Amino acid sequence: MGVPINPMPEYVVVQAEEPSTKTASGLYLPDSSKEKPKTAKVVAAGTAVGDIKVGDRVIYKNEYEATTVKVATQEYTLVYHKNIIATVTR
């Protein structure tokens, strides 16, 4: 099944990565103390986004300018391509 959202040419559709529930020292974090993730996996990309492609992990800025929508049971975020500041390599 593909992504049910087709972004406009200058937008990217991402799915946020889940924040860690455990600190490096082994303490578990309650949901209220978790930071909103700013890294996400690209699941769809518009035609004018340059080098960003499906499957990339990206870091984006200003989450308040991104739009989050829920389709069926999945949550997607639409990010303007100029708000993506880096790709993450493993």
N, C-alpha and C. Protein backbone atom coordinates (compact mmCIF):
# COMPACT_ATOMS: atom_id res chain seq x y z
N MET A 1 0.84 -1.18 0.00
CA MET A 1 0.00 0.00 0.00
C MET A 1 0.88 1.24 0.00
N GLY A 2 0.58 2.18 -0.88
CA GLY A 2 1.35 3.41 -0.96
C GLY A 2 0.86 4.45 0.03
N VAL A 3 1.49 5.59 -0.02
CA VAL A 3 1.12 6.71 0.85
C VAL A 3 -0.12 7.38 0.27
N PRO A 4 -1.15 7.64 1.07
CA PRO A 4 -2.38 8.21 0.55
C PRO A 4 -2.34 9.72 0.33
N ILE A 5 -1.15 10.31 0.39
CA ILE A 5 -1.01 11.76 0.23
C ILE A 5 -0.04 12.04 -0.90
N ASN A 6 -0.45 12.87 -1.86
CA ASN A 6 0.44 13.31 -2.93
C ASN A 6 0.78 14.77 -2.67
N PRO A 7 2.03 15.05 -2.27
CA PRO A 7 2.38 16.43 -1.92
C PRO A 7 2.50 17.34 -3.15
N MET A 8 2.28 18.62 -2.94
CA MET A 8 2.52 19.62 -3.96
C MET A 8 4.03 19.62 -4.27
N PRO A 9 4.45 20.18 -5.40
CA PRO A 9 5.85 20.05 -5.84
C PRO A 9 6.92 20.42 -4.82
N GLU A 10 6.67 21.38 -3.95
CA GLU A 10 7.72 21.84 -3.03
C GLU A 10 7.58 21.29 -1.61
N TYR A 11 6.77 20.26 -1.44
CA TYR A 11 6.56 19.68 -0.11
C TYR A 11 7.02 18.24 -0.04
N VAL A 12 7.31 17.81 1.18
CA VAL A 12 7.73 16.46 1.47
C VAL A 12 6.80 15.91 2.54
N VAL A 13 6.37 14.66 2.40
CA VAL A 13 5.55 14.00 3.41
C VAL A 13 6.47 13.10 4.22
N VAL A 14 6.46 13.29 5.55
CA VAL A 14 7.33 12.50 6.43
C VAL A 14 6.51 11.84 7.53
N GLN A 15 7.09 10.81 8.11
CA GLN A 15 6.53 10.21 9.31
C GLN A 15 7.57 10.36 10.40
N ALA A 16 7.16 10.97 11.49
CA ALA A 16 8.06 11.24 12.60
C ALA A 16 8.55 9.94 13.22
N GLU A 17 9.80 9.96 13.64
CA GLU A 17 10.35 8.80 14.33
C GLU A 17 9.95 8.89 15.79
N GLU A 18 9.72 7.75 16.39
CA GLU A 18 9.32 7.71 17.79
C GLU A 18 10.49 8.15 18.68
N PRO A 19 10.23 9.05 19.63
CA PRO A 19 11.29 9.43 20.56
C PRO A 19 11.65 8.27 21.48
N SER A 20 12.85 8.30 21.96
CA SER A 20 13.30 7.24 22.85
C SER A 20 12.52 7.25 24.15
N THR A 21 12.20 6.07 24.67
CA THR A 21 11.47 5.98 25.93
C THR A 21 12.41 5.72 27.09
N LYS A 22 13.70 5.64 26.79
CA LYS A 22 14.68 5.30 27.81
C LYS A 22 15.92 6.17 27.63
N THR A 23 16.47 6.68 28.73
CA THR A 23 17.67 7.49 28.66
C THR A 23 18.90 6.59 28.51
N ALA A 24 20.04 7.21 28.23
CA ALA A 24 21.29 6.45 28.08
C ALA A 24 21.66 5.72 29.37
N SER A 25 21.24 6.26 30.51
CA SER A 25 21.57 5.62 31.79
C SER A 25 20.55 4.56 32.20
N GLY A 26 19.51 4.35 31.37
CA GLY A 26 18.55 3.28 31.64
C GLY A 26 17.25 3.71 32.30
N LEU A 27 17.04 5.00 32.51
CA LEU A 27 15.79 5.48 33.11
C LEU A 27 14.71 5.57 32.04
N TYR A 28 13.49 5.16 32.39
CA TYR A 28 12.38 5.26 31.46
C TYR A 28 11.72 6.63 31.62
N LEU A 29 11.36 7.24 30.48
CA LEU A 29 10.76 8.57 30.48
C LEU A 29 9.25 8.49 30.36
N PRO A 30 8.53 9.31 31.14
CA PRO A 30 7.07 9.37 30.96
C PRO A 30 6.75 10.13 29.67
N ASP A 31 5.58 9.90 29.11
CA ASP A 31 5.19 10.54 27.86
C ASP A 31 5.26 12.06 27.94
N SER A 32 4.95 12.64 29.08
CA SER A 32 4.92 14.09 29.21
C SER A 32 6.30 14.73 29.10
N SER A 33 7.37 13.98 29.30
CA SER A 33 8.71 14.57 29.26
C SER A 33 9.42 14.34 27.93
N LYS A 34 8.80 13.64 27.01
CA LYS A 34 9.44 13.37 25.73
C LYS A 34 9.39 14.60 24.84
N GLU A 35 10.47 14.82 24.10
CA GLU A 35 10.50 15.91 23.14
C GLU A 35 9.83 15.46 21.86
N LYS A 36 9.21 16.42 21.15
CA LYS A 36 8.66 16.08 19.86
C LYS A 36 9.82 15.81 18.91
N PRO A 37 9.72 14.76 18.13
CA PRO A 37 10.83 14.46 17.22
C PRO A 37 10.95 15.49 16.11
N LYS A 38 12.17 15.78 15.72
CA LYS A 38 12.41 16.65 14.58
C LYS A 38 13.15 15.87 13.51
N THR A 39 13.25 14.56 13.71
CA THR A 39 13.78 13.71 12.65
C THR A 39 12.63 12.85 12.17
N ALA A 40 12.65 12.57 10.87
CA ALA A 40 11.54 11.82 10.29
C ALA A 40 12.01 11.10 9.04
N LYS A 41 11.21 10.14 8.62
CA LYS A 41 11.50 9.38 7.41
C LYS A 41 10.60 9.91 6.29
N VAL A 42 11.19 10.16 5.14
CA VAL A 42 10.45 10.67 3.98
C VAL A 42 9.66 9.52 3.37
N VAL A 43 8.35 9.71 3.23
CA VAL A 43 7.50 8.68 2.63
C VAL A 43 6.93 9.11 1.27
N ALA A 44 7.01 10.40 0.96
CA ALA A 44 6.61 10.92 -0.35
C ALA A 44 7.28 12.27 -0.54
N ALA A 45 7.60 12.59 -1.79
CA ALA A 45 8.27 13.86 -2.07
C ALA A 45 7.70 14.48 -3.34
N GLY A 46 7.56 15.79 -3.32
CA GLY A 46 7.11 16.52 -4.49
C GLY A 46 8.18 16.53 -5.56
N THR A 47 7.82 17.01 -6.74
CA THR A 47 8.73 16.98 -7.87
C THR A 47 9.82 18.04 -7.83
N ALA A 48 9.70 19.04 -6.97
CA ALA A 48 10.66 20.14 -6.94
C ALA A 48 11.49 20.19 -5.66
N VAL A 49 11.72 19.04 -5.03
CA VAL A 49 12.41 19.06 -3.75
C VAL A 49 13.91 18.78 -3.85
N GLY A 50 14.45 18.64 -5.03
CA GLY A 50 15.89 18.47 -5.18
C GLY A 50 16.36 17.08 -4.82
N ASP A 51 17.34 17.01 -3.93
CA ASP A 51 18.00 15.75 -3.60
C ASP A 51 17.28 14.90 -2.57
N ILE A 52 16.16 15.35 -2.05
CA ILE A 52 15.43 14.59 -1.03
C ILE A 52 14.58 13.54 -1.72
N LYS A 53 14.70 12.29 -1.25
CA LYS A 53 13.94 11.22 -1.89
C LYS A 53 13.29 10.32 -0.85
N VAL A 54 12.34 9.53 -1.29
CA VAL A 54 11.63 8.60 -0.42
C VAL A 54 12.64 7.66 0.23
N GLY A 55 12.48 7.46 1.54
CA GLY A 55 13.38 6.60 2.29
C GLY A 55 14.45 7.35 3.06
N ASP A 56 14.72 8.60 2.70
CA ASP A 56 15.70 9.42 3.43
C ASP A 56 15.21 9.70 4.84
N ARG A 57 16.15 9.82 5.76
CA ARG A 57 15.83 10.33 7.10
C ARG A 57 16.27 11.78 7.11
N VAL A 58 15.40 12.67 7.56
CA VAL A 58 15.70 14.10 7.52
C VAL A 58 15.50 14.76 8.88
N ILE A 59 16.16 15.89 9.04
CA ILE A 59 15.96 16.76 10.20
C ILE A 59 15.31 18.02 9.66
N TYR A 60 14.20 18.41 10.28
CA TYR A 60 13.53 19.62 9.80
C TYR A 60 13.40 20.62 10.94
N LYS A 61 13.30 21.90 10.55
CA LYS A 61 13.21 22.97 11.54
C LYS A 61 11.78 23.48 11.62
N ASN A 62 11.52 24.16 12.69
CA ASN A 62 10.26 24.86 12.91
C ASN A 62 9.05 23.96 12.69
N GLU A 63 8.87 23.04 13.63
CA GLU A 63 7.75 22.11 13.52
C GLU A 63 6.40 22.80 13.53
N TYR A 64 6.35 24.07 13.93
CA TYR A 64 5.08 24.79 13.96
C TYR A 64 4.64 25.21 12.57
N GLU A 65 5.56 25.19 11.59
CA GLU A 65 5.18 25.51 10.22
C GLU A 65 4.83 24.25 9.44
N ALA A 66 5.06 23.09 10.02
CA ALA A 66 4.70 21.83 9.38
C ALA A 66 3.24 21.53 9.68
N THR A 67 2.61 20.77 8.81
CA THR A 67 1.21 20.40 8.98
C THR A 67 1.12 18.90 9.21
N THR A 68 0.50 18.50 10.31
CA THR A 68 0.35 17.09 10.62
C THR A 68 -1.10 16.69 10.39
N VAL A 69 -1.29 15.59 9.68
CA VAL A 69 -2.63 15.06 9.40
C VAL A 69 -2.66 13.58 9.72
N LYS A 70 -3.84 13.08 10.03
CA LYS A 70 -4.02 11.67 10.29
C LYS A 70 -4.91 11.10 9.20
N VAL A 71 -4.42 10.07 8.53
CA VAL A 71 -5.18 9.40 7.49
C VAL A 71 -5.30 7.94 7.91
N ALA A 72 -6.52 7.50 8.10
CA ALA A 72 -6.80 6.16 8.65
C ALA A 72 -6.13 6.08 10.02
N THR A 73 -5.16 5.20 10.19
CA THR A 73 -4.50 5.08 11.50
C THR A 73 -3.10 5.66 11.49
N GLN A 74 -2.65 6.19 10.35
CA GLN A 74 -1.28 6.71 10.23
C GLN A 74 -1.26 8.24 10.34
N GLU A 75 -0.21 8.75 10.95
CA GLU A 75 -0.02 10.20 11.06
C GLU A 75 1.11 10.62 10.14
N TYR A 76 0.86 11.66 9.33
CA TYR A 76 1.84 12.17 8.38
C TYR A 76 2.06 13.65 8.64
N THR A 77 3.25 14.13 8.32
CA THR A 77 3.57 15.54 8.45
C THR A 77 4.04 16.05 7.10
N LEU A 78 3.48 17.17 6.66
CA LEU A 78 3.90 17.81 5.42
C LEU A 78 4.84 18.95 5.78
N VAL A 79 6.04 18.92 5.19
CA VAL A 79 7.08 19.90 5.49
C VAL A 79 7.50 20.57 4.19
N TYR A 80 7.58 21.90 4.21
CA TYR A 80 8.09 22.64 3.06
C TYR A 80 9.56 22.27 2.88
N HIS A 81 9.99 21.99 1.67
CA HIS A 81 11.34 21.45 1.46
C HIS A 81 12.46 22.35 1.96
N LYS A 82 12.25 23.65 2.01
CA LYS A 82 13.30 24.55 2.51
C LYS A 82 13.42 24.53 4.03
N ASN A 83 12.47 23.89 4.73
CA ASN A 83 12.56 23.71 6.18
C ASN A 83 13.33 22.45 6.56
N ILE A 84 13.73 21.66 5.57
CA ILE A 84 14.56 20.48 5.84
C ILE A 84 16.01 20.95 5.84
N ILE A 85 16.68 20.74 6.97
CA ILE A 85 18.03 21.29 7.12
C ILE A 85 19.13 20.25 6.96
N ALA A 86 18.79 18.96 6.97
CA ALA A 86 19.83 17.94 6.82
C ALA A 86 19.21 16.58 6.54
N THR A 87 20.00 15.71 5.95
CA THR A 87 19.63 14.31 5.86
C THR A 87 20.53 13.55 6.82
N VAL A 88 20.03 12.45 7.34
CA VAL A 88 20.76 11.67 8.35
C VAL A 88 21.22 10.39 7.70
N THR A 89 22.49 10.08 7.86
CA THR A 89 23.01 8.81 7.34
C THR A 89 23.36 7.91 8.52
N ARG A 90 23.26 6.63 8.30
CA ARG A 90 23.58 5.69 9.37
C ARG A 90 24.83 4.95 9.03
